Amino acid sequence: MIKLISKEELRKKMIELQNQNKKFVFTNGCFDLLHPGHVLYLKDTKKLGDYLILALNTDASVHRLKGTTRPIFSENERAEILSGLACIDFVCFFD
Protein backbone atom coordinates (compact mmCIF):
# COMPACT_ATOMS: atom_id res chain seq x y z
CA MET A 1 0.00 0.00 0.00
CA ILE A 2 1.44 3.35 -1.00
CA LYS A 3 1.22 5.95 1.74
CA LEU A 4 1.75 8.92 -0.56
CA ILE A 5 -0.58 11.83 0.10
CA SER A 6 -0.73 15.40 -1.15
CA LYS A 7 0.34 18.36 0.98
CA GLU A 8 -3.31 19.36 1.31
CA GLU A 9 -4.32 15.89 2.51
CA LEU A 10 -1.37 15.89 4.90
CA ARG A 11 -2.37 19.25 6.35
CA LYS A 12 -5.88 17.91 7.07
CA LYS A 13 -4.46 14.70 8.55
CA MET A 14 -2.12 16.63 10.85
CA ILE A 15 -5.03 18.70 12.20
CA GLU A 16 -7.01 15.50 12.75
CA LEU A 17 -4.08 13.91 14.60
CA GLN A 18 -3.58 16.99 16.76
CA ASN A 19 -7.27 16.93 17.67
CA GLN A 20 -6.81 13.33 18.82
CA ASN A 21 -3.79 14.37 20.93
CA LYS A 22 -1.54 12.25 18.73
CA LYS A 23 2.09 13.13 18.36
CA PHE A 24 3.57 13.14 14.88
CA VAL A 25 7.21 13.39 13.93
CA PHE A 26 8.60 14.62 10.64
CA THR A 27 11.72 13.99 8.62
CA ASN A 28 12.77 14.48 5.05
CA GLY A 29 15.33 13.33 2.52
CA CYS A 30 16.10 12.00 -0.94
CA PHE A 31 16.35 8.29 -0.06
CA ASP A 32 17.47 7.62 -3.63
CA LEU A 33 19.42 4.54 -2.63
CA LEU A 34 17.82 3.26 0.54
CA HIS A 35 20.39 1.60 2.81
CA PRO A 36 20.37 0.06 6.32
CA GLY A 37 21.40 3.36 7.92
CA HIS A 38 18.29 5.01 6.48
CA VAL A 39 16.07 2.23 7.82
CA LEU A 40 17.56 2.43 11.33
CA TYR A 41 17.24 6.22 11.31
CA LEU A 42 13.58 6.02 10.24
CA LYS A 43 12.76 3.35 12.85
CA ASP A 44 14.38 5.44 15.59
CA THR A 45 12.56 8.56 14.41
CA LYS A 46 9.20 6.77 14.56
CA LYS A 47 9.84 5.95 18.24
CA LEU A 48 9.59 9.68 19.00
CA GLY A 49 5.88 9.89 18.15
CA ASP A 50 2.70 8.13 17.13
CA TYR A 51 2.98 8.89 13.41
CA LEU A 52 5.99 9.39 11.14
CA ILE A 53 5.61 11.79 8.23
CA LEU A 54 8.29 11.63 5.55
CA ALA A 55 8.77 14.50 3.11
CA LEU A 56 10.48 13.06 0.05
CA ASN A 57 12.57 15.21 -2.28
CA THR A 58 11.11 15.39 -5.79
CA ASP A 59 13.15 14.27 -8.77
CA ALA A 60 13.92 17.89 -9.65
CA SER A 61 15.16 18.56 -6.13
CA VAL A 62 17.38 15.44 -6.09
CA HIS A 63 18.78 16.43 -9.47
CA ARG A 64 19.72 19.90 -8.15
CA LEU A 65 21.26 18.47 -4.97
CA LYS A 66 23.07 15.40 -6.30
CA GLY A 67 23.84 16.12 -9.94
CA THR A 68 22.81 15.16 -13.43
CA THR A 69 22.94 11.40 -12.93
CA ARG A 70 20.48 11.41 -10.04
CA PRO A 71 17.95 10.35 -9.01
CA ILE A 72 18.46 6.71 -9.78
CA PHE A 73 14.89 5.85 -8.78
CA SER A 74 11.99 8.16 -9.65
CA GLU A 75 10.08 9.97 -6.91
CA ASN A 76 7.15 7.58 -7.36
CA GLU A 77 9.43 4.53 -7.11
CA ARG A 78 11.10 5.94 -3.99
CA ALA A 79 7.68 6.72 -2.47
CA GLU A 80 6.55 3.16 -3.11
CA ILE A 81 9.72 1.67 -1.59
CA LEU A 82 9.45 3.87 1.51
CA SER A 83 5.74 3.11 1.84
CA GLY A 84 6.74 -0.50 2.39
CA LEU A 85 8.43 0.39 5.68
CA ALA A 86 6.10 -0.17 8.63
CA CYS A 87 7.60 2.77 10.52
CA ILE A 88 6.43 5.33 7.92
CA ASP A 89 2.83 6.46 8.08
CA PHE A 90 2.67 9.16 5.40
CA VAL A 91 4.84 10.27 2.49
CA CYS A 92 4.55 13.58 0.66
CA PHE A 93 6.75 15.22 -1.98
CA PHE A 94 8.61 18.48 -1.57
CA ASP A 95 11.00 20.53 -3.66
PDB file of N, CA and C in Angstrom:
ATOM      1  N   MET A   1       0.844  -1.187   0.000  1.00  0.00           N
ATOM      2  CA  MET A   1       0.000   0.000   0.000  1.00  0.00           C
ATOM      3  C   MET A   1       0.887   1.246   0.000  1.00  0.00           C
ATOM      4  N   ILE A   2       0.679   2.112  -0.957  1.00  0.00           N
ATOM      5  CA  ILE A   2       1.442   3.353  -1.002  1.00  0.00           C
ATOM      6  C   ILE A   2       0.821   4.352  -0.021  1.00  0.00           C
ATOM      7  N   LYS A   3       1.666   5.026   0.698  1.00  0.00           N
ATOM      8  CA  LYS A   3       1.222   5.945   1.741  1.00  0.00           C
ATOM      9  C   LYS A   3       1.374   7.393   1.299  1.00  0.00           C
ATOM     10  N   LEU A   4       1.535   7.588  -0.004  1.00  0.00           N
ATOM     11  CA  LEU A   4       1.748   8.916  -0.560  1.00  0.00           C
ATOM     12  C   LEU A   4       0.468   9.727  -0.514  1.00  0.00           C
ATOM     13  N   ILE A   5       0.566  10.930   0.065  1.00  0.00           N
ATOM     14  CA  ILE A   5      -0.582  11.827   0.104  1.00  0.00           C
ATOM     15  C   ILE A   5      -0.117  13.224  -0.292  1.00  0.00           C
ATOM     16  N   SER A   6      -1.049  14.036  -0.741  1.00  0.00           N
ATOM     17  CA  SER A   6      -0.733  15.405  -1.146  1.00  0.00           C
ATOM     18  C   SER A   6      -0.488  16.269   0.090  1.00  0.00           C
ATOM     19  N   LYS A   7       0.108  17.423  -0.129  1.00  0.00           N
ATOM     20  CA  LYS A   7       0.345  18.356   0.978  1.00  0.00           C
ATOM     21  C   LYS A   7      -0.970  18.790   1.617  1.00  0.00           C
ATOM     22  N   GLU A   8      -2.003  18.957   0.795  1.00  0.00           N
ATOM     23  CA  GLU A   8      -3.311  19.364   1.313  1.00  0.00           C
ATOM     24  C   GLU A   8      -3.908  18.267   2.191  1.00  0.00           C
ATOM     25  N   GLU A   9      -3.819  17.025   1.719  1.00  0.00           N
ATOM     26  CA  GLU A   9      -4.316  15.891   2.514  1.00  0.00           C
ATOM     27  C   GLU A   9      -3.519  15.765   3.807  1.00  0.00           C
ATOM     28  N   LEU A  10      -2.218  15.976   3.715  1.00  0.00           N
ATOM     29  CA  LEU A  10      -1.365  15.888   4.897  1.00  0.00           C
ATOM     30  C   LEU A  10      -1.740  16.958   5.917  1.00  0.00           C
ATOM     31  N   ARG A  11      -1.977  18.153   5.454  1.00  0.00           N
ATOM     32  CA  ARG A  11      -2.368  19.249   6.351  1.00  0.00           C
ATOM     33  C   ARG A  11      -3.638  18.877   7.125  1.00  0.00           C
ATOM     34  N   LYS A  12      -4.628  18.335   6.424  1.00  0.00           N
ATOM     35  CA  LYS A  12      -5.875  17.908   7.073  1.00  0.00           C
ATOM     36  C   LYS A  12      -5.611  16.788   8.074  1.00  0.00           C
ATOM     37  N   LYS A  13      -4.769  15.839   7.682  1.00  0.00           N
ATOM     38  CA  LYS A  13      -4.458  14.698   8.550  1.00  0.00           C
ATOM     39  C   LYS A  13      -3.748  15.157   9.816  1.00  0.00           C
ATOM     40  N   MET A  14      -2.843  16.122   9.681  1.00  0.00           N
ATOM     41  CA  MET A  14      -2.117  16.626  10.848  1.00  0.00           C
ATOM     42  C   MET A  14      -3.062  17.313  11.832  1.00  0.00           C
ATOM     43  N   ILE A  15      -4.033  18.059  11.327  1.00  0.00           N
ATOM     44  CA  ILE A  15      -5.026  18.702  12.198  1.00  0.00           C
ATOM     45  C   ILE A  15      -5.854  17.638  12.915  1.00  0.00           C
ATOM     46  N   GLU A  16      -6.246  16.613  12.162  1.00  0.00           N
ATOM     47  CA  GLU A  16      -7.010  15.498  12.745  1.00  0.00           C
ATOM     48  C   GLU A  16      -6.210  14.808  13.857  1.00  0.00           C
ATOM     49  N   LEU A  17      -4.927  14.557  13.599  1.00  0.00           N
ATOM     50  CA  LEU A  17      -4.079  13.909  14.600  1.00  0.00           C
ATOM     51  C   LEU A  17      -3.902  14.783  15.837  1.00  0.00           C
ATOM     52  N   GLN A  18      -3.716  16.078  15.631  1.00  0.00           N
ATOM     53  CA  GLN A  18      -3.576  16.992  16.763  1.00  0.00           C
ATOM     54  C   GLN A  18      -4.851  16.998  17.604  1.00  0.00           C
ATOM     55  N   ASN A  19      -5.998  16.958  16.949  1.00  0.00           N
ATOM     56  CA  ASN A  19      -7.275  16.935  17.675  1.00  0.00           C
ATOM     57  C   ASN A  19      -7.464  15.655  18.472  1.00  0.00           C
ATOM     58  N   GLN A  20      -6.765  14.604  18.102  1.00  0.00           N
ATOM     59  CA  GLN A  20      -6.809  13.330  18.820  1.00  0.00           C
ATOM     60  C   GLN A  20      -5.665  13.229  19.827  1.00  0.00           C
ATOM     61  N   ASN A  21      -4.955  14.332  20.027  1.00  0.00           N
ATOM     62  CA  ASN A  21      -3.791  14.372  20.929  1.00  0.00           C
ATOM     63  C   ASN A  21      -2.712  13.371  20.533  1.00  0.00           C
ATOM     64  N   LYS A  22      -2.594  13.128  19.242  1.00  0.00           N
ATOM     65  CA  LYS A  22      -1.545  12.255  18.726  1.00  0.00           C
ATOM     66  C   LYS A  22      -0.305  13.090  18.432  1.00  0.00           C
ATOM     67  N   LYS A  23       0.826  12.463  18.615  1.00  0.00           N
ATOM     68  CA  LYS A  23       2.093  13.135  18.356  1.00  0.00           C
ATOM     69  C   LYS A  23       2.641  12.628  17.034  1.00  0.00           C
ATOM     70  N   PHE A  24       2.961  13.550  16.136  1.00  0.00           N
ATOM     71  CA  PHE A  24       3.572  13.139  14.882  1.00  0.00           C
ATOM     72  C   PHE A  24       4.977  13.709  14.804  1.00  0.00           C
ATOM     73  N   VAL A  25       5.832  12.951  14.154  1.00  0.00           N
ATOM     74  CA  VAL A  25       7.213  13.389  13.931  1.00  0.00           C
ATOM     75  C   VAL A  25       7.421  13.464  12.423  1.00  0.00           C
ATOM     76  N   PHE A  26       8.388  14.286  12.041  1.00  0.00           N
ATOM     77  CA  PHE A  26       8.595  14.621  10.643  1.00  0.00           C
ATOM     78  C   PHE A  26      10.072  14.520  10.309  1.00  0.00           C
ATOM     79  N   THR A  27      10.357  13.974   9.145  1.00  0.00           N
ATOM     80  CA  THR A  27      11.718  13.993   8.623  1.00  0.00           C
ATOM     81  C   THR A  27      11.631  14.109   7.112  1.00  0.00           C
ATOM     82  N   ASN A  28      12.765  14.353   6.504  1.00  0.00           N
ATOM     83  CA  ASN A  28      12.772  14.477   5.053  1.00  0.00           C
ATOM     84  C   ASN A  28      14.084  13.950   4.489  1.00  0.00           C
ATOM     85  N   GLY A  29      14.106  13.763   3.185  1.00  0.00           N
ATOM     86  CA  GLY A  29      15.325  13.335   2.517  1.00  0.00           C
ATOM     87  C   GLY A  29      15.063  12.852   1.115  1.00  0.00           C
ATOM     88  N   CYS A  30      16.163  12.500   0.445  1.00  0.00           N
ATOM     89  CA  CYS A  30      16.104  11.997  -0.938  1.00  0.00           C
ATOM     90  C   CYS A  30      15.824  10.505  -0.972  1.00  0.00           C
ATOM     91  N   PHE A  31      16.506   9.739  -0.138  1.00  0.00           N
ATOM     92  CA  PHE A  31      16.346   8.287  -0.057  1.00  0.00           C
ATOM     93  C   PHE A  31      16.405   7.637  -1.438  1.00  0.00           C
ATOM     94  N   ASP A  32      17.350   8.117  -2.261  1.00  0.00           N
ATOM     95  CA  ASP A  32      17.468   7.623  -3.626  1.00  0.00           C
ATOM     96  C   ASP A  32      18.005   6.196  -3.646  1.00  0.00           C
ATOM     97  N   LEU A  33      18.939   5.911  -2.812  1.00  0.00           N
ATOM     98  CA  LEU A  33      19.423   4.542  -2.633  1.00  0.00           C
ATOM     99  C   LEU A  33      19.246   4.209  -1.161  1.00  0.00           C
ATOM    100  N   LEU A  34      18.140   3.584  -0.849  1.00  0.00           N
ATOM    101  CA  LEU A  34      17.817   3.256   0.538  1.00  0.00           C
ATOM    102  C   LEU A  34      18.809   2.226   1.060  1.00  0.00           C
ATOM    103  N   HIS A  35      19.412   2.520   2.218  1.00  0.00           N
ATOM    104  CA  HIS A  35      20.390   1.603   2.810  1.00  0.00           C
ATOM    105  C   HIS A  35      20.050   1.359   4.279  1.00  0.00           C
ATOM    106  N   PRO A  36      20.710   0.404   4.931  1.00  0.00           N
ATOM    107  CA  PRO A  36      20.366   0.061   6.320  1.00  0.00           C
ATOM    108  C   PRO A  36      20.425   1.249   7.278  1.00  0.00           C
ATOM    109  N   GLY A  37      21.333   2.170   7.063  1.00  0.00           N
ATOM    110  CA  GLY A  37      21.400   3.358   7.920  1.00  0.00           C
ATOM    111  C   GLY A  37      20.129   4.182   7.841  1.00  0.00           C
ATOM    112  N   HIS A  38      19.567   4.309   6.643  1.00  0.00           N
ATOM    113  CA  HIS A  38      18.288   5.009   6.480  1.00  0.00           C
ATOM    114  C   HIS A  38      17.194   4.308   7.286  1.00  0.00           C
ATOM    115  N   VAL A  39      17.126   2.996   7.153  1.00  0.00           N
ATOM    116  CA  VAL A  39      16.072   2.233   7.819  1.00  0.00           C
ATOM    117  C   VAL A  39      16.177   2.377   9.336  1.00  0.00           C
ATOM    118  N   LEU A  40      17.375   2.260   9.874  1.00  0.00           N
ATOM    119  CA  LEU A  40      17.561   2.427  11.327  1.00  0.00           C
ATOM    120  C   LEU A  40      17.172   3.831  11.768  1.00  0.00           C
ATOM    121  N   TYR A  41      17.591   4.827  11.007  1.00  0.00           N
ATOM    122  CA  TYR A  41      17.239   6.224  11.305  1.00  0.00           C
ATOM    123  C   TYR A  41      15.721   6.406  11.328  1.00  0.00           C
ATOM    124  N   LEU A  42      15.032   5.865  10.317  1.00  0.00           N
ATOM    125  CA  LEU A  42      13.582   6.018  10.243  1.00  0.00           C
ATOM    126  C   LEU A  42      12.878   5.281  11.378  1.00  0.00           C
ATOM    127  N   LYS A  43      13.341   4.085  11.722  1.00  0.00           N
ATOM    128  CA  LYS A  43      12.755   3.347  12.851  1.00  0.00           C
ATOM    129  C   LYS A  43      12.937   4.113  14.155  1.00  0.00           C
ATOM    130  N   ASP A  44      14.120   4.671  14.369  1.00  0.00           N
ATOM    131  CA  ASP A  44      14.384   5.441  15.591  1.00  0.00           C
ATOM    132  C   ASP A  44      13.545   6.716  15.626  1.00  0.00           C
ATOM    133  N   THR A  45      13.367   7.340  14.478  1.00  0.00           N
ATOM    134  CA  THR A  45      12.556   8.558  14.412  1.00  0.00           C
ATOM    135  C   THR A  45      11.110   8.252  14.775  1.00  0.00           C
ATOM    136  N   LYS A  46      10.585   7.147  14.280  1.00  0.00           N
ATOM    137  CA  LYS A  46       9.198   6.767  14.559  1.00  0.00           C
ATOM    138  C   LYS A  46       8.962   6.596  16.063  1.00  0.00           C
ATOM    139  N   LYS A  47       9.973   6.157  16.799  1.00  0.00           N
ATOM    140  CA  LYS A  47       9.841   5.948  18.242  1.00  0.00           C
ATOM    141  C   LYS A  47       9.551   7.245  18.996  1.00  0.00           C
ATOM    142  N   LEU A  48       9.779   8.382  18.358  1.00  0.00           N
ATOM    143  CA  LEU A  48       9.588   9.680  19.003  1.00  0.00           C
ATOM    144  C   LEU A  48       8.135  10.157  18.965  1.00  0.00           C
ATOM    145  N   GLY A  49       7.273   9.455  18.237  1.00  0.00           N
ATOM    146  CA  GLY A  49       5.882   9.892  18.145  1.00  0.00           C
ATOM    147  C   GLY A  49       4.962   8.760  17.740  1.00  0.00           C
ATOM    148  N   ASP A  50       3.702   9.119  17.535  1.00  0.00           N
ATOM    149  CA  ASP A  50       2.701   8.131  17.134  1.00  0.00           C
ATOM    150  C   ASP A  50       2.690   7.905  15.624  1.00  0.00           C
ATOM    151  N   TYR A  51       3.008   8.938  14.862  1.00  0.00           N
ATOM    152  CA  TYR A  51       2.984   8.886  13.405  1.00  0.00           C
ATOM    153  C   TYR A  51       4.264   9.496  12.852  1.00  0.00           C
ATOM    154  N   LEU A  52       4.809   8.865  11.821  1.00  0.00           N
ATOM    155  CA  LEU A  52       5.995   9.391  11.145  1.00  0.00           C
ATOM    156  C   LEU A  52       5.599   9.887   9.762  1.00  0.00           C
ATOM    157  N   ILE A  53       5.859  11.162   9.523  1.00  0.00           N
ATOM    158  CA  ILE A  53       5.609  11.791   8.231  1.00  0.00           C
ATOM    159  C   ILE A  53       6.955  11.977   7.545  1.00  0.00           C
ATOM    160  N   LEU A  54       7.051  11.505   6.317  1.00  0.00           N
ATOM    161  CA  LEU A  54       8.289  11.631   5.551  1.00  0.00           C
ATOM    162  C   LEU A  54       8.046  12.534   4.352  1.00  0.00           C
ATOM    163  N   ALA A  55       8.790  13.632   4.278  1.00  0.00           N
ATOM    164  CA  ALA A  55       8.768  14.505   3.106  1.00  0.00           C
ATOM    165  C   ALA A  55       9.897  14.042   2.188  1.00  0.00           C
ATOM    166  N   LEU A  56       9.538  13.650   0.991  1.00  0.00           N
ATOM    167  CA  LEU A  56      10.478  13.058   0.051  1.00  0.00           C
ATOM    168  C   LEU A  56      10.826  14.071  -1.039  1.00  0.00           C
ATOM    169  N   ASN A  57      12.131  14.289  -1.230  1.00  0.00           N
ATOM    170  CA  ASN A  57      12.568  15.206  -2.280  1.00  0.00           C
ATOM    171  C   ASN A  57      12.036  14.751  -3.641  1.00  0.00           C
ATOM    172  N   THR A  58      11.537  15.694  -4.425  1.00  0.00           N
ATOM    173  CA  THR A  58      11.108  15.393  -5.789  1.00  0.00           C
ATOM    174  C   THR A  58      12.320  15.078  -6.656  1.00  0.00           C
ATOM    175  N   ASP A  59      12.065  14.550  -7.839  1.00  0.00           N
ATOM    176  CA  ASP A  59      13.147  14.268  -8.772  1.00  0.00           C
ATOM    177  C   ASP A  59      13.937  15.531  -9.099  1.00  0.00           C
ATOM    178  N   ALA A  60      13.238  16.635  -9.323  1.00  0.00           N
ATOM    179  CA  ALA A  60      13.916  17.890  -9.650  1.00  0.00           C
ATOM    180  C   ALA A  60      14.830  18.333  -8.516  1.00  0.00           C
ATOM    181  N   SER A  61      14.372  18.176  -7.299  1.00  0.00           N
ATOM    182  CA  SER A  61      15.159  18.556  -6.129  1.00  0.00           C
ATOM    183  C   SER A  61      16.402  17.678  -5.993  1.00  0.00           C
ATOM    184  N   VAL A  62      16.241  16.367  -6.171  1.00  0.00           N
ATOM    185  CA  VAL A  62      17.381  15.443  -6.087  1.00  0.00           C
ATOM    186  C   VAL A  62      18.392  15.786  -7.177  1.00  0.00           C
ATOM    187  N   HIS A  63      17.900  16.080  -8.353  1.00  0.00           N
ATOM    188  CA  HIS A  63      18.777  16.434  -9.473  1.00  0.00           C
ATOM    189  C   HIS A  63      19.620  17.671  -9.131  1.00  0.00           C
ATOM    190  N   ARG A  64      18.991  18.676  -8.548  1.00  0.00           N
ATOM    191  CA  ARG A  64      19.718  19.898  -8.146  1.00  0.00           C
ATOM    192  C   ARG A  64      20.745  19.601  -7.060  1.00  0.00           C
ATOM    193  N   LEU A  65      20.385  18.753  -6.112  1.00  0.00           N
ATOM    194  CA  LEU A  65      21.265  18.472  -4.972  1.00  0.00           C
ATOM    195  C   LEU A  65      22.402  17.511  -5.302  1.00  0.00           C
ATOM    196  N   LYS A  66      22.126  16.504  -6.130  1.00  0.00           N
ATOM    197  CA  LYS A  66      23.074  15.405  -6.298  1.00  0.00           C
ATOM    198  C   LYS A  66      23.687  15.298  -7.691  1.00  0.00           C
ATOM    199  N   GLY A  67      23.232  16.119  -8.620  1.00  0.00           N
ATOM    200  CA  GLY A  67      23.844  16.118  -9.941  1.00  0.00           C
ATOM    201  C   GLY A  67      23.003  15.492 -11.029  1.00  0.00           C
ATOM    202  N   THR A  68      23.558  15.537 -12.223  1.00  0.00           N
ATOM    203  CA  THR A  68      22.808  15.165 -13.426  1.00  0.00           C
ATOM    204  C   THR A  68      22.491  13.679 -13.545  1.00  0.00           C
ATOM    205  N   THR A  69      23.208  12.841 -12.836  1.00  0.00           N
ATOM    206  CA  THR A  69      22.945  11.397 -12.934  1.00  0.00           C
ATOM    207  C   THR A  69      21.940  10.906 -11.896  1.00  0.00           C
ATOM    208  N   ARG A  70      21.412  11.798 -11.090  1.00  0.00           N
ATOM    209  CA  ARG A  70      20.480  11.412 -10.036  1.00  0.00           C
ATOM    210  C   ARG A  70      19.140  12.077 -10.277  1.00  0.00           C
ATOM    211  N   PRO A  71      18.057  11.556  -9.822  1.00  0.00           N
ATOM    212  CA  PRO A  71      17.946  10.354  -9.006  1.00  0.00           C
ATOM    213  C   PRO A  71      18.065   9.075  -9.841  1.00  0.00           C
ATOM    214  N   ILE A  72      18.396   8.024  -9.152  1.00  0.00           N
ATOM    215  CA  ILE A  72      18.457   6.710  -9.782  1.00  0.00           C
ATOM    216  C   ILE A  72      17.042   6.135  -9.880  1.00  0.00           C
ATOM    217  N   PHE A  73      16.285   6.272  -8.797  1.00  0.00           N
ATOM    218  CA  PHE A  73      14.886   5.850  -8.783  1.00  0.00           C
ATOM    219  C   PHE A  73      14.002   7.089  -8.815  1.00  0.00           C
ATOM    220  N   SER A  74      12.903   7.024  -9.552  1.00  0.00           N
ATOM    221  CA  SER A  74      11.992   8.160  -9.650  1.00  0.00           C
ATOM    222  C   SER A  74      11.330   8.439  -8.297  1.00  0.00           C
ATOM    223  N   GLU A  75      10.756   9.616  -8.165  1.00  0.00           N
ATOM    224  CA  GLU A  75      10.082   9.972  -6.911  1.00  0.00           C
ATOM    225  C   GLU A  75       8.959   8.989  -6.593  1.00  0.00           C
ATOM    226  N   ASN A  76       8.233   8.540  -7.604  1.00  0.00           N
ATOM    227  CA  ASN A  76       7.154   7.575  -7.356  1.00  0.00           C
ATOM    228  C   ASN A  76       7.698   6.220  -6.931  1.00  0.00           C
ATOM    229  N   GLU A  77       8.811   5.792  -7.523  1.00  0.00           N
ATOM    230  CA  GLU A  77       9.430   4.534  -7.108  1.00  0.00           C
ATOM    231  C   GLU A  77       9.943   4.637  -5.675  1.00  0.00           C
ATOM    232  N   ARG A  78      10.594   5.755  -5.348  1.00  0.00           N
ATOM    233  CA  ARG A  78      11.097   5.945  -3.987  1.00  0.00           C
ATOM    234  C   ARG A  78       9.952   5.997  -2.990  1.00  0.00           C
ATOM    235  N   ALA A  79       8.851   6.660  -3.354  1.00  0.00           N
ATOM    236  CA  ALA A  79       7.681   6.722  -2.468  1.00  0.00           C
ATOM    237  C   ALA A  79       7.111   5.329  -2.224  1.00  0.00           C
ATOM    238  N   GLU A  80       7.075   4.517  -3.268  1.00  0.00           N
ATOM    239  CA  GLU A  80       6.550   3.155  -3.107  1.00  0.00           C
ATOM    240  C   GLU A  80       7.460   2.313  -2.226  1.00  0.00           C
ATOM    241  N   ILE A  81       8.758   2.418  -2.414  1.00  0.00           N
ATOM    242  CA  ILE A  81       9.716   1.670  -1.587  1.00  0.00           C
ATOM    243  C   ILE A  81       9.568   2.080  -0.123  1.00  0.00           C
ATOM    244  N   LEU A  82       9.553   3.377   0.133  1.00  0.00           N
ATOM    245  CA  LEU A  82       9.451   3.870   1.513  1.00  0.00           C
ATOM    246  C   LEU A  82       8.106   3.530   2.138  1.00  0.00           C
ATOM    247  N   SER A  83       7.062   3.486   1.332  1.00  0.00           N
ATOM    248  CA  SER A  83       5.741   3.112   1.843  1.00  0.00           C
ATOM    249  C   SER A  83       5.715   1.681   2.363  1.00  0.00           C
ATOM    250  N   GLY A  84       6.652   0.874   1.920  1.00  0.00           N
ATOM    251  CA  GLY A  84       6.742  -0.500   2.389  1.00  0.00           C
ATOM    252  C   GLY A  84       7.318  -0.644   3.780  1.00  0.00           C
ATOM    253  N   LEU A  85       7.872   0.429   4.318  1.00  0.00           N
ATOM    254  CA  LEU A  85       8.426   0.389   5.676  1.00  0.00           C
ATOM    255  C   LEU A  85       7.309   0.635   6.685  1.00  0.00           C
ATOM    256  N   ALA A  86       7.173  -0.268   7.630  1.00  0.00           N
ATOM    257  CA  ALA A  86       6.100  -0.171   8.628  1.00  0.00           C
ATOM    258  C   ALA A  86       6.215   1.098   9.470  1.00  0.00           C
ATOM    259  N   CYS A  87       7.408   1.616   9.644  1.00  0.00           N
ATOM    260  CA  CYS A  87       7.601   2.771  10.516  1.00  0.00           C
ATOM    261  C   CYS A  87       7.100   4.081   9.896  1.00  0.00           C
ATOM    262  N   ILE A  88       6.879   4.105   8.594  1.00  0.00           N
ATOM    263  CA  ILE A  88       6.431   5.326   7.921  1.00  0.00           C
ATOM    264  C   ILE A  88       4.919   5.284   7.757  1.00  0.00           C
ATOM    265  N   ASP A  89       4.274   6.377   8.165  1.00  0.00           N
ATOM    266  CA  ASP A  89       2.827   6.456   8.076  1.00  0.00           C
ATOM    267  C   ASP A  89       2.346   7.247   6.868  1.00  0.00           C
ATOM    268  N   PHE A  90       3.061   8.310   6.524  1.00  0.00           N
ATOM    269  CA  PHE A  90       2.670   9.157   5.401  1.00  0.00           C
ATOM    270  C   PHE A  90       3.907   9.635   4.661  1.00  0.00           C
ATOM    271  N   VAL A  91       3.778   9.744   3.336  1.00  0.00           N
ATOM    272  CA  VAL A  91       4.843  10.268   2.490  1.00  0.00           C
ATOM    273  C   VAL A  91       4.246  11.396   1.650  1.00  0.00           C
ATOM    274  N   CYS A  92       4.944  12.512   1.567  1.00  0.00           N
ATOM    275  CA  CYS A  92       4.549  13.578   0.656  1.00  0.00           C
ATOM    276  C   CYS A  92       5.802  14.104  -0.043  1.00  0.00           C
ATOM    277  N   PHE A  93       5.622  14.674  -1.224  1.00  0.00           N
ATOM    278  CA  PHE A  93       6.747  15.222  -1.976  1.00  0.00           C
ATOM    279  C   PHE A  93       7.001  16.673  -1.599  1.00  0.00           C
ATOM    280  N   PHE A  94       8.278  17.065  -1.707  1.00  0.00           N
ATOM    281  CA  PHE A  94       8.612  18.480  -1.569  1.00  0.00           C
ATOM    282  C   PHE A  94       9.811  18.795  -2.445  1.00  0.00           C
ATOM    283  N   ASP A  95       9.886  20.065  -2.829  1.00  0.00           N
ATOM    284  CA  ASP A  95      10.999  20.530  -3.664  1.00  0.00           C
ATOM    285  C   ASP A  95      12.057  21.189  -2.834  1.00  0.00           C
TER     286      ASP A  95
END
